[in-house]
Amino acid sequence: MVNVLVCDDEKDIVSALRIYLESEGYQVYTATNGKEAVAKAREVVPHLILLDVMMPEMDGIETCQEIRKQDELKNTLIAFLTARGEDYSQIAGFEAGA
C-alpha cells in the first residue's frame, strides 16, 4: 500500500484530500503543522508528502528542508499545496527539495 502524508492547517482541505486519496486506495496520514509533519514523516516514512506552504509552527519550505535532512526520507516525494502562484514560491519549493 502507498502511504501519503497530508499536511495542511486547513481541516477542510485535509479532510477532502483524505477522502479522495483513501477512495483511491492510499493509506493517508495527516498533520496540521510543520513540526507535526516532520515527526509523522519519521514515524510512517510515507511514499508521498503533500505540504501546504503557509502553516503555523514551521512553514512548508522549512518543513521540507527538515524532512530532507532525514536519511530514511530521502526517497520520499514531496509536493506543495498552495494558493500562491508567484515564481518565488515555486523556486523556493524546488530549492527546499520538493
PDB file of N, CA and C in Angstrom:
ATOM      1  N   MET A   1       0.843  -1.182   0.000  1.00  0.00           N
ATOM      2  CA  MET A   1       0.000   0.000   0.000  1.00  0.00           C
ATOM      3  C   MET A   1       0.892   1.250   0.000  1.00  0.00           C
ATOM      4  N   VAL A   2       0.443   2.266  -0.693  1.00  0.00           N
ATOM      5  CA  VAL A   2       1.183   3.525  -0.772  1.00  0.00           C
ATOM      6  C   VAL A   2       0.730   4.441   0.357  1.00  0.00           C
ATOM      7  N   ASN A   3       1.699   4.928   1.130  1.00  0.00           N
ATOM      8  CA  ASN A   3       1.426   5.839   2.240  1.00  0.00           C
ATOM      9  C   ASN A   3       1.592   7.278   1.795  1.00  0.00           C
ATOM     10  N   VAL A   4       0.608   8.115   2.144  1.00  0.00           N
ATOM     11  CA  VAL A   4       0.650   9.535   1.815  1.00  0.00           C
ATOM     12  C   VAL A   4       0.464  10.329   3.108  1.00  0.00           C
ATOM     13  N   LEU A   5       1.309  11.322   3.299  1.00  0.00           N
ATOM     14  CA  LEU A   5       1.172  12.244   4.430  1.00  0.00           C
ATOM     15  C   LEU A   5       0.661  13.571   3.889  1.00  0.00           C
ATOM     16  N   VAL A   6      -0.487  14.011   4.396  1.00  0.00           N
ATOM     17  CA  VAL A   6      -1.073  15.291   4.004  1.00  0.00           C
ATOM     18  C   VAL A   6      -0.886  16.255   5.164  1.00  0.00           C
ATOM     19  N   CYS A   7      -0.261  17.388   4.898  1.00  0.00           N
ATOM     20  CA  CYS A   7      -0.018  18.370   5.948  1.00  0.00           C
ATOM     21  C   CYS A   7      -0.558  19.728   5.524  1.00  0.00           C
ATOM     22  N   ASP A   8      -1.581  20.179   6.229  1.00  0.00           N
ATOM     23  CA  ASP A   8      -2.204  21.472   5.963  1.00  0.00           C
ATOM     24  C   ASP A   8      -2.904  21.903   7.246  1.00  0.00           C
ATOM     25  N   ASP A   9      -2.909  23.206   7.516  1.00  0.00           N
ATOM     26  CA  ASP A   9      -3.571  23.692   8.717  1.00  0.00           C
ATOM     27  C   ASP A   9      -5.067  23.921   8.502  1.00  0.00           C
ATOM     28  N   GLU A  10      -5.548  23.761   7.268  1.00  0.00           N
ATOM     29  CA  GLU A  10      -6.981  23.890   6.970  1.00  0.00           C
ATOM     30  C   GLU A  10      -7.624  22.507   7.040  1.00  0.00           C
ATOM     31  N   LYS A  11      -8.439  22.291   8.064  1.00  0.00           N
ATOM     32  CA  LYS A  11      -9.030  20.965   8.287  1.00  0.00           C
ATOM     33  C   LYS A  11      -9.895  20.499   7.121  1.00  0.00           C
ATOM     34  N   ASP A  12     -10.600  21.429   6.454  1.00  0.00           N
ATOM     35  CA  ASP A  12     -11.445  21.049   5.315  1.00  0.00           C
ATOM     36  C   ASP A  12     -10.615  20.495   4.161  1.00  0.00           C
ATOM     37  N   ILE A  13      -9.461  21.086   3.927  1.00  0.00           N
ATOM     38  CA  ILE A  13      -8.578  20.613   2.855  1.00  0.00           C
ATOM     39  C   ILE A  13      -8.037  19.229   3.190  1.00  0.00           C
ATOM     40  N   VAL A  14      -7.599  19.058   4.425  1.00  0.00           N
ATOM     41  CA  VAL A  14      -7.081  17.756   4.862  1.00  0.00           C
ATOM     42  C   VAL A  14      -8.165  16.693   4.731  1.00  0.00           C
ATOM     43  N   SER A  15      -9.369  17.024   5.163  1.00  0.00           N
ATOM     44  CA  SER A  15     -10.481  16.077   5.110  1.00  0.00           C
ATOM     45  C   SER A  15     -10.811  15.689   3.668  1.00  0.00           C
ATOM     46  N   ALA A  16     -10.881  16.670   2.786  1.00  0.00           N
ATOM     47  CA  ALA A  16     -11.208  16.389   1.382  1.00  0.00           C
ATOM     48  C   ALA A  16     -10.125  15.527   0.735  1.00  0.00           C
ATOM     49  N   LEU A  17      -8.871  15.866   0.978  1.00  0.00           N
ATOM     50  CA  LEU A  17      -7.781  15.073   0.415  1.00  0.00           C
ATOM     51  C   LEU A  17      -7.776  13.657   0.973  1.00  0.00           C
ATOM     52  N   ARG A  18      -8.027  13.528   2.255  1.00  0.00           N
ATOM     53  CA  ARG A  18      -8.081  12.190   2.872  1.00  0.00           C
ATOM     54  C   ARG A  18      -9.169  11.340   2.219  1.00  0.00           C
ATOM     55  N   ILE A  19     -10.352  11.898   2.094  1.00  0.00           N
ATOM     56  CA  ILE A  19     -11.465  11.151   1.498  1.00  0.00           C
ATOM     57  C   ILE A  19     -11.118  10.708   0.076  1.00  0.00           C
ATOM     58  N   TYR A  20     -10.620  11.635  -0.718  1.00  0.00           N
ATOM     59  CA  TYR A  20     -10.292  11.310  -2.102  1.00  0.00           C
ATOM     60  C   TYR A  20      -9.181  10.261  -2.181  1.00  0.00           C
ATOM     61  N   LEU A  21      -8.094  10.474  -1.471  1.00  0.00           N
ATOM     62  CA  LEU A  21      -6.958   9.552  -1.540  1.00  0.00           C
ATOM     63  C   LEU A  21      -7.316   8.165  -1.005  1.00  0.00           C
ATOM     64  N   GLU A  22      -8.058   8.109   0.090  1.00  0.00           N
ATOM     65  CA  GLU A  22      -8.456   6.808   0.627  1.00  0.00           C
ATOM     66  C   GLU A  22      -9.379   6.073  -0.340  1.00  0.00           C
ATOM     67  N   SER A  23     -10.253   6.816  -1.041  1.00  0.00           N
ATOM     68  CA  SER A  23     -11.144   6.177  -2.014  1.00  0.00           C
ATOM     69  C   SER A  23     -10.368   5.584  -3.192  1.00  0.00           C
ATOM     70  N   GLU A  24      -9.151   6.091  -3.399  1.00  0.00           N
ATOM     71  CA  GLU A  24      -8.284   5.569  -4.459  1.00  0.00           C
ATOM     72  C   GLU A  24      -7.336   4.483  -3.945  1.00  0.00           C
ATOM     73  N   GLY A  25      -7.460   4.140  -2.668  1.00  0.00           N
ATOM     74  CA  GLY A  25      -6.690   3.033  -2.115  1.00  0.00           C
ATOM     75  C   GLY A  25      -5.417   3.394  -1.380  1.00  0.00           C
ATOM     76  N   TYR A  26      -5.176   4.675  -1.142  1.00  0.00           N
ATOM     77  CA  TYR A  26      -3.978   5.100  -0.428  1.00  0.00           C
ATOM     78  C   TYR A  26      -4.190   5.064   1.085  1.00  0.00           C
ATOM     79  N   GLN A  27      -3.118   4.799   1.821  1.00  0.00           N
ATOM     80  CA  GLN A  27      -3.131   4.921   3.277  1.00  0.00           C
ATOM     81  C   GLN A  27      -2.747   6.360   3.580  1.00  0.00           C
ATOM     82  N   VAL A  28      -3.617   7.091   4.270  1.00  0.00           N
ATOM     83  CA  VAL A  28      -3.405   8.520   4.481  1.00  0.00           C
ATOM     84  C   VAL A  28      -3.133   8.826   5.949  1.00  0.00           C
ATOM     85  N   TYR A  29      -2.084   9.608   6.151  1.00  0.00           N
ATOM     86  CA  TYR A  29      -1.735  10.136   7.469  1.00  0.00           C
ATOM     87  C   TYR A  29      -1.826  11.656   7.363  1.00  0.00           C
ATOM     88  N   THR A  30      -2.075  12.322   8.478  1.00  0.00           N
ATOM     89  CA  THR A  30      -2.234  13.771   8.420  1.00  0.00           C
ATOM     90  C   THR A  30      -1.435  14.474   9.514  1.00  0.00           C
ATOM     91  N   ALA A  31      -1.170  15.757   9.236  1.00  0.00           N
ATOM     92  CA  ALA A  31      -0.522  16.641  10.204  1.00  0.00           C
ATOM     93  C   ALA A  31      -1.085  18.037   9.951  1.00  0.00           C
ATOM     94  N   THR A  32      -1.099  18.857  10.999  1.00  0.00           N
ATOM     95  CA  THR A  32      -1.683  20.192  10.863  1.00  0.00           C
ATOM     96  C   THR A  32      -0.661  21.320  10.946  1.00  0.00           C
ATOM     97  N   ASN A  33       0.603  20.972  11.146  1.00  0.00           N
ATOM     98  CA  ASN A  33       1.665  21.981  11.134  1.00  0.00           C
ATOM     99  C   ASN A  33       2.979  21.302  10.773  1.00  0.00           C
ATOM    100  N   GLY A  34       3.988  22.101  10.517  1.00  0.00           N
ATOM    101  CA  GLY A  34       5.259  21.572  10.058  1.00  0.00           C
ATOM    102  C   GLY A  34       5.957  20.659  11.046  1.00  0.00           C
ATOM    103  N   LYS A  35       5.962  21.032  12.306  1.00  0.00           N
ATOM    104  CA  LYS A  35       6.633  20.197  13.315  1.00  0.00           C
ATOM    105  C   LYS A  35       5.978  18.825  13.407  1.00  0.00           C
ATOM    106  N   GLU A  36       4.655  18.832  13.389  1.00  0.00           N
ATOM    107  CA  GLU A  36       3.915  17.577  13.437  1.00  0.00           C
ATOM    108  C   GLU A  36       4.196  16.747  12.176  1.00  0.00           C
ATOM    109  N   ALA A  37       4.318  17.404  11.032  1.00  0.00           N
ATOM    110  CA  ALA A  37       4.595  16.701   9.774  1.00  0.00           C
ATOM    111  C   ALA A  37       5.952  16.014   9.802  1.00  0.00           C
ATOM    112  N   VAL A  38       6.966  16.679  10.328  1.00  0.00           N
ATOM    113  CA  VAL A  38       8.300  16.078  10.408  1.00  0.00           C
ATOM    114  C   VAL A  38       8.254  14.839  11.300  1.00  0.00           C
ATOM    115  N   ALA A  39       7.621  14.947  12.441  1.00  0.00           N
ATOM    116  CA  ALA A  39       7.522  13.808  13.364  1.00  0.00           C
ATOM    117  C   ALA A  39       6.751  12.655  12.732  1.00  0.00           C
ATOM    118  N   LYS A  40       5.635  12.949  12.082  1.00  0.00           N
ATOM    119  CA  LYS A  40       4.810  11.910  11.461  1.00  0.00           C
ATOM    120  C   LYS A  40       5.557  11.264  10.293  1.00  0.00           C
ATOM    121  N   ALA A  41       6.273  12.060   9.518  1.00  0.00           N
ATOM    122  CA  ALA A  41       7.035  11.515   8.394  1.00  0.00           C
ATOM    123  C   ALA A  41       8.102  10.544   8.878  1.00  0.00           C
ATOM    124  N   ARG A  42       8.767  10.887   9.954  1.00  0.00           N
ATOM    125  CA  ARG A  42       9.792   9.988  10.511  1.00  0.00           C
ATOM    126  C   ARG A  42       9.160   8.708  11.034  1.00  0.00           C
ATOM    127  N   GLU A  43       7.948   8.812  11.546  1.00  0.00           N
ATOM    128  CA  GLU A  43       7.246   7.655  12.109  1.00  0.00           C
ATOM    129  C   GLU A  43       6.763   6.692  11.022  1.00  0.00           C
ATOM    130  N   VAL A  44       6.122   7.217   9.974  1.00  0.00           N
ATOM    131  CA  VAL A  44       5.473   6.346   8.981  1.00  0.00           C
ATOM    132  C   VAL A  44       6.238   6.201   7.664  1.00  0.00           C
ATOM    133  N   VAL A  45       7.268   7.018   7.433  1.00  0.00           N
ATOM    134  CA  VAL A  45       8.074   7.020   6.210  1.00  0.00           C
ATOM    135  C   VAL A  45       7.158   6.900   4.970  1.00  0.00           C
ATOM    136  N   PRO A  46       6.425   7.972   4.680  1.00  0.00           N
ATOM    137  CA  PRO A  46       5.483   7.930   3.553  1.00  0.00           C
ATOM    138  C   PRO A  46       6.182   7.925   2.204  1.00  0.00           C
ATOM    139  N   HIS A  47       5.459   7.467   1.195  1.00  0.00           N
ATOM    140  CA  HIS A  47       5.959   7.499  -0.179  1.00  0.00           C
ATOM    141  C   HIS A  47       5.826   8.905  -0.758  1.00  0.00           C
ATOM    142  N   LEU A  48       4.779   9.630  -0.327  1.00  0.00           N
ATOM    143  CA  LEU A  48       4.484  10.967  -0.836  1.00  0.00           C
ATOM    144  C   LEU A  48       4.060  11.855   0.321  1.00  0.00           C
ATOM    145  N   ILE A  49       4.530  13.100   0.315  1.00  0.00           N
ATOM    146  CA  ILE A  49       4.098  14.096   1.287  1.00  0.00           C
ATOM    147  C   ILE A  49       3.523  15.271   0.512  1.00  0.00           C
ATOM    148  N   LEU A  50       2.287  15.650   0.858  1.00  0.00           N
ATOM    149  CA  LEU A  50       1.644  16.839   0.297  1.00  0.00           C
ATOM    150  C   LEU A  50       1.689  17.906   1.376  1.00  0.00           C
ATOM    151  N   LEU A  51       2.416  18.991   1.113  1.00  0.00           N
ATOM    152  CA  LEU A  51       2.660  20.030   2.116  1.00  0.00           C
ATOM    153  C   LEU A  51       2.050  21.362   1.719  1.00  0.00           C
ATOM    154  N   ASP A  52       1.364  21.982   2.654  1.00  0.00           N
ATOM    155  CA  ASP A  52       0.921  23.356   2.468  1.00  0.00           C
ATOM    156  C   ASP A  52       2.137  24.260   2.666  1.00  0.00           C
ATOM    157  N   VAL A  53       2.203  25.349   1.940  1.00  0.00           N
ATOM    158  CA  VAL A  53       3.329  26.268   2.095  1.00  0.00           C
ATOM    159  C   VAL A  53       3.163  27.128   3.345  1.00  0.00           C
ATOM    160  N   MET A  54       1.975  27.655   3.563  1.00  0.00           N
ATOM    161  CA  MET A  54       1.753  28.562   4.693  1.00  0.00           C
ATOM    162  C   MET A  54       1.065  27.820   5.837  1.00  0.00           C
ATOM    163  N   MET A  55       1.860  27.541   6.883  1.00  0.00           N
ATOM    164  CA  MET A  55       1.359  26.830   8.057  1.00  0.00           C
ATOM    165  C   MET A  55       1.956  27.434   9.316  1.00  0.00           C
ATOM    166  N   PRO A  56       1.292  27.194  10.450  1.00  0.00           N
ATOM    167  CA  PRO A  56       1.866  27.652  11.723  1.00  0.00           C
ATOM    168  C   PRO A  56       3.002  26.730  12.173  1.00  0.00           C
ATOM    169  N   GLU A  57       3.708  27.154  13.191  1.00  0.00           N
ATOM    170  CA  GLU A  57       4.822  26.406  13.786  1.00  0.00           C
ATOM    171  C   GLU A  57       6.062  26.413  12.896  1.00  0.00           C
ATOM    172  N   MET A  58       5.924  25.871  11.692  1.00  0.00           N
ATOM    173  CA  MET A  58       7.023  25.782  10.731  1.00  0.00           C
ATOM    174  C   MET A  58       6.361  25.769   9.354  1.00  0.00           C
ATOM    175  N   ASP A  59       6.757  26.686   8.463  1.00  0.00           N
ATOM    176  CA  ASP A  59       6.093  26.719   7.160  1.00  0.00           C
ATOM    177  C   ASP A  59       6.521  25.526   6.296  1.00  0.00           C
ATOM    178  N   GLY A  60       5.890  25.381   5.152  1.00  0.00           N
ATOM    179  CA  GLY A  60       6.146  24.230   4.298  1.00  0.00           C
ATOM    180  C   GLY A  60       7.569  24.147   3.782  1.00  0.00           C
ATOM    181  N   ILE A  61       8.169  25.297   3.480  1.00  0.00           N
ATOM    182  CA  ILE A  61       9.548  25.302   2.996  1.00  0.00           C
ATOM    183  C   ILE A  61      10.490  24.780   4.078  1.00  0.00           C
ATOM    184  N   GLU A  62      10.344  25.297   5.289  1.00  0.00           N
ATOM    185  CA  GLU A  62      11.179  24.838   6.412  1.00  0.00           C
ATOM    186  C   GLU A  62      10.930  23.357   6.696  1.00  0.00           C
ATOM    187  N   THR A  63       9.671  22.945   6.619  1.00  0.00           N
ATOM    188  CA  THR A  63       9.316  21.549   6.860  1.00  0.00           C
ATOM    189  C   THR A  63       9.992  20.647   5.829  1.00  0.00           C
ATOM    190  N   CYS A  64       9.929  21.044   4.572  1.00  0.00           N
ATOM    191  CA  CYS A  64      10.573  20.278   3.501  1.00  0.00           C
ATOM    192  C   CYS A  64      12.077  20.159   3.750  1.00  0.00           C
ATOM    193  N   GLN A  65      12.701  21.251   4.115  1.00  0.00           N
ATOM    194  CA  GLN A  65      14.142  21.234   4.388  1.00  0.00           C
ATOM    195  C   GLN A  65      14.472  20.285   5.541  1.00  0.00           C
ATOM    196  N   GLU A  66      13.651  20.295   6.580  1.00  0.00           N
ATOM    197  CA  GLU A  66      13.878  19.422   7.740  1.00  0.00           C
ATOM    198  C   GLU A  66      13.705  17.964   7.346  1.00  0.00           C
ATOM    199  N   ILE A  67      12.683  17.677   6.553  1.00  0.00           N
ATOM    200  CA  ILE A  67      12.431  16.303   6.109  1.00  0.00           C
ATOM    201  C   ILE A  67      13.591  15.810   5.250  1.00  0.00           C
ATOM    202  N   ARG A  68      14.118  16.659   4.407  1.00  0.00           N
ATOM    203  CA  ARG A  68      15.218  16.266   3.523  1.00  0.00           C
ATOM    204  C   ARG A  68      16.503  15.967   4.290  1.00  0.00           C
ATOM    205  N   LYS A  69      16.604  16.390   5.525  1.00  0.00           N
ATOM    206  CA  LYS A  69      17.778  16.084   6.354  1.00  0.00           C
ATOM    207  C   LYS A  69      17.740  14.651   6.886  1.00  0.00           C
ATOM    208  N   GLN A  70      16.590  13.999   6.800  1.00  0.00           N
ATOM    209  CA  GLN A  70      16.414  12.660   7.356  1.00  0.00           C
ATOM    210  C   GLN A  70      16.772  11.609   6.300  1.00  0.00           C
ATOM    211  N   ASP A  71      17.759  10.781   6.581  1.00  0.00           N
ATOM    212  CA  ASP A  71      18.190   9.763   5.614  1.00  0.00           C
ATOM    213  C   ASP A  71      17.060   8.829   5.200  1.00  0.00           C
ATOM    214  N   GLU A  72      16.225   8.438   6.145  1.00  0.00           N
ATOM    215  CA  GLU A  72      15.158   7.482   5.837  1.00  0.00           C
ATOM    216  C   GLU A  72      14.071   8.079   4.942  1.00  0.00           C
ATOM    217  N   LEU A  73      14.094   9.404   4.749  1.00  0.00           N
ATOM    218  CA  LEU A  73      13.076  10.069   3.926  1.00  0.00           C
ATOM    219  C   LEU A  73      13.636  10.605   2.611  1.00  0.00           C
ATOM    220  N   LYS A  74      14.858  10.221   2.265  1.00  0.00           N
ATOM    221  CA  LYS A  74      15.496  10.789   1.081  1.00  0.00           C
ATOM    222  C   LYS A  74      14.784  10.405  -0.216  1.00  0.00           C
ATOM    223  N   ASN A  75      14.068   9.301  -0.243  1.00  0.00           N
ATOM    224  CA  ASN A  75      13.356   8.877  -1.452  1.00  0.00           C
ATOM    225  C   ASN A  75      11.881   9.260  -1.455  1.00  0.00           C
ATOM    226  N   THR A  76      11.441   9.920  -0.407  1.00  0.00           N
ATOM    227  CA  THR A  76      10.041  10.343  -0.326  1.00  0.00           C
ATOM    228  C   THR A  76       9.802  11.525  -1.264  1.00  0.00           C
ATOM    229  N   LEU A  77       8.755  11.425  -2.061  1.00  0.00           N
ATOM    230  CA  LEU A  77       8.376  12.533  -2.933  1.00  0.00           C
ATOM    231  C   LEU A  77       7.658  13.591  -2.104  1.00  0.00           C
ATOM    232  N   ILE A  78       7.946  14.861  -2.380  1.00  0.00           N
ATOM    233  CA  ILE A  78       7.291  15.962  -1.672  1.00  0.00           C
ATOM    234  C   ILE A  78       6.720  16.913  -2.713  1.00  0.00           C
ATOM    235  N   ALA A  79       5.430  17.228  -2.557  1.00  0.00           N
ATOM    236  CA  ALA A  79       4.764  18.198  -3.434  1.00  0.00           C
ATOM    237  C   ALA A  79       4.087  19.238  -2.554  1.00  0.00           C
ATOM    238  N   PHE A  80       4.114  20.476  -3.011  1.00  0.00           N
ATOM    239  CA  PHE A  80       3.489  21.556  -2.253  1.00  0.00           C
ATOM    240  C   PHE A  80       2.070  21.819  -2.722  1.00  0.00           C
ATOM    241  N   LEU A  81       1.227  22.119  -1.751  1.00  0.00           N
ATOM    242  CA  LEU A  81      -0.134  22.593  -2.000  1.00  0.00           C
ATOM    243  C   LEU A  81      -0.134  24.057  -1.612  1.00  0.00           C
ATOM    244  N   THR A  82      -0.504  24.925  -2.538  1.00  0.00           N
ATOM    245  CA  THR A  82      -0.508  26.336  -2.191  1.00  0.00           C
ATOM    246  C   THR A  82      -1.417  27.118  -3.123  1.00  0.00           C
ATOM    247  N   ALA A  83      -1.964  28.185  -2.590  1.00  0.00           N
ATOM    248  CA  ALA A  83      -2.745  29.108  -3.401  1.00  0.00           C
ATOM    249  C   ALA A  83      -1.839  30.162  -4.010  1.00  0.00           C
ATOM    250  N   ARG A  84      -0.598  30.199  -3.531  1.00  0.00           N
ATOM    251  CA  ARG A  84       0.362  31.190  -4.026  1.00  0.00           C
ATOM    252  C   ARG A  84       0.867  30.761  -5.391  1.00  0.00           C
ATOM    253  N   GLY A  85       0.941  31.703  -6.309  1.00  0.00           N
ATOM    254  CA  GLY A  85       1.374  31.373  -7.649  1.00  0.00           C
ATOM    255  C   GLY A  85       2.640  32.076  -8.079  1.00  0.00           C
ATOM    256  N   GLU A  86       3.263  32.790  -7.159  1.00  0.00           N
ATOM    257  CA  GLU A  86       4.467  33.538  -7.529  1.00  0.00           C
ATOM    258  C   GLU A  86       5.604  32.590  -7.892  1.00  0.00           C
ATOM    259  N   ASP A  87       6.445  33.047  -8.816  1.00  0.00           N
ATOM    260  CA  ASP A  87       7.617  32.262  -9.204  1.00  0.00           C
ATOM    261  C   ASP A  87       8.502  31.978  -8.001  1.00  0.00           C
ATOM    262  N   TYR A  88       8.594  32.957  -7.075  1.00  0.00           N
ATOM    263  CA  TYR A  88       9.426  32.781  -5.885  1.00  0.00           C
ATOM    264  C   TYR A  88       9.005  31.532  -5.105  1.00  0.00           C
ATOM    265  N   SER A  89       7.697  31.335  -4.931  1.00  0.00           N
ATOM    266  CA  SER A  89       7.211  30.177  -4.173  1.00  0.00           C
ATOM    267  C   SER A  89       7.618  28.878  -4.851  1.00  0.00           C
ATOM    268  N   GLN A  90       7.520  28.832  -6.168  1.00  0.00           N
ATOM    269  CA  GLN A  90       7.893  27.621  -6.889  1.00  0.00           C
ATOM    270  C   GLN A  90       9.393  27.360  -6.781  1.00  0.00           C
ATOM    271  N   ILE A  91      10.180  28.395  -6.949  1.00  0.00           N
ATOM    272  CA  ILE A  91      11.640  28.250  -6.858  1.00  0.00           C
ATOM    273  C   ILE A  91      12.045  27.829  -5.459  1.00  0.00           C
ATOM    274  N   ALA A  92      11.462  28.461  -4.448  1.00  0.00           N
ATOM    275  CA  ALA A  92      11.777  28.113  -3.057  1.00  0.00           C
ATOM    276  C   ALA A  92      11.437  26.669  -2.782  1.00  0.00           C
ATOM    277  N   GLY A  93      10.326  26.189  -3.321  1.00  0.00           N
ATOM    278  CA  GLY A  93       9.930  24.784  -3.141  1.00  0.00           C
ATOM    279  C   GLY A  93      10.934  23.836  -3.751  1.00  0.00           C
ATOM    280  N   PHE A  94      11.368  24.123  -4.970  1.00  0.00           N
ATOM    281  CA  PHE A  94      12.374  23.269  -5.617  1.00  0.00           C
ATOM    282  C   PHE A  94      13.692  23.301  -4.864  1.00  0.00           C
ATOM    283  N   GLU A  95      14.106  24.481  -4.429  1.00  0.00           N
ATOM    284  CA  GLU A  95      15.364  24.591  -3.687  1.00  0.00           C
ATOM    285  C   GLU A  95      15.319  23.873  -2.351  1.00  0.00           C
ATOM    286  N   ALA A  96      14.129  23.765  -1.760  1.00  0.00           N
ATOM    287  CA  ALA A  96      13.977  23.081  -0.478  1.00  0.00           C
ATOM    288  C   ALA A  96      13.977  21.566  -0.626  1.00  0.00           C
ATOM    289  N   GLY A  97      13.803  21.088  -1.841  1.00  0.00           N
ATOM    290  CA  GLY A  97      13.846  19.650  -2.067  1.00  0.00           C
ATOM    291  C   GLY A  97      12.555  19.025  -2.527  1.00  0.00           C
ATOM    292  N   ALA A  98      11.576  19.840  -2.899  1.00  0.00           N
ATOM    293  CA  ALA A  98      10.299  19.282  -3.390  1.00  0.00           C
ATOM    294  C   ALA A  98      10.398  18.982  -4.864  1.00  0.00           C
TER     295      ALA A  98
END
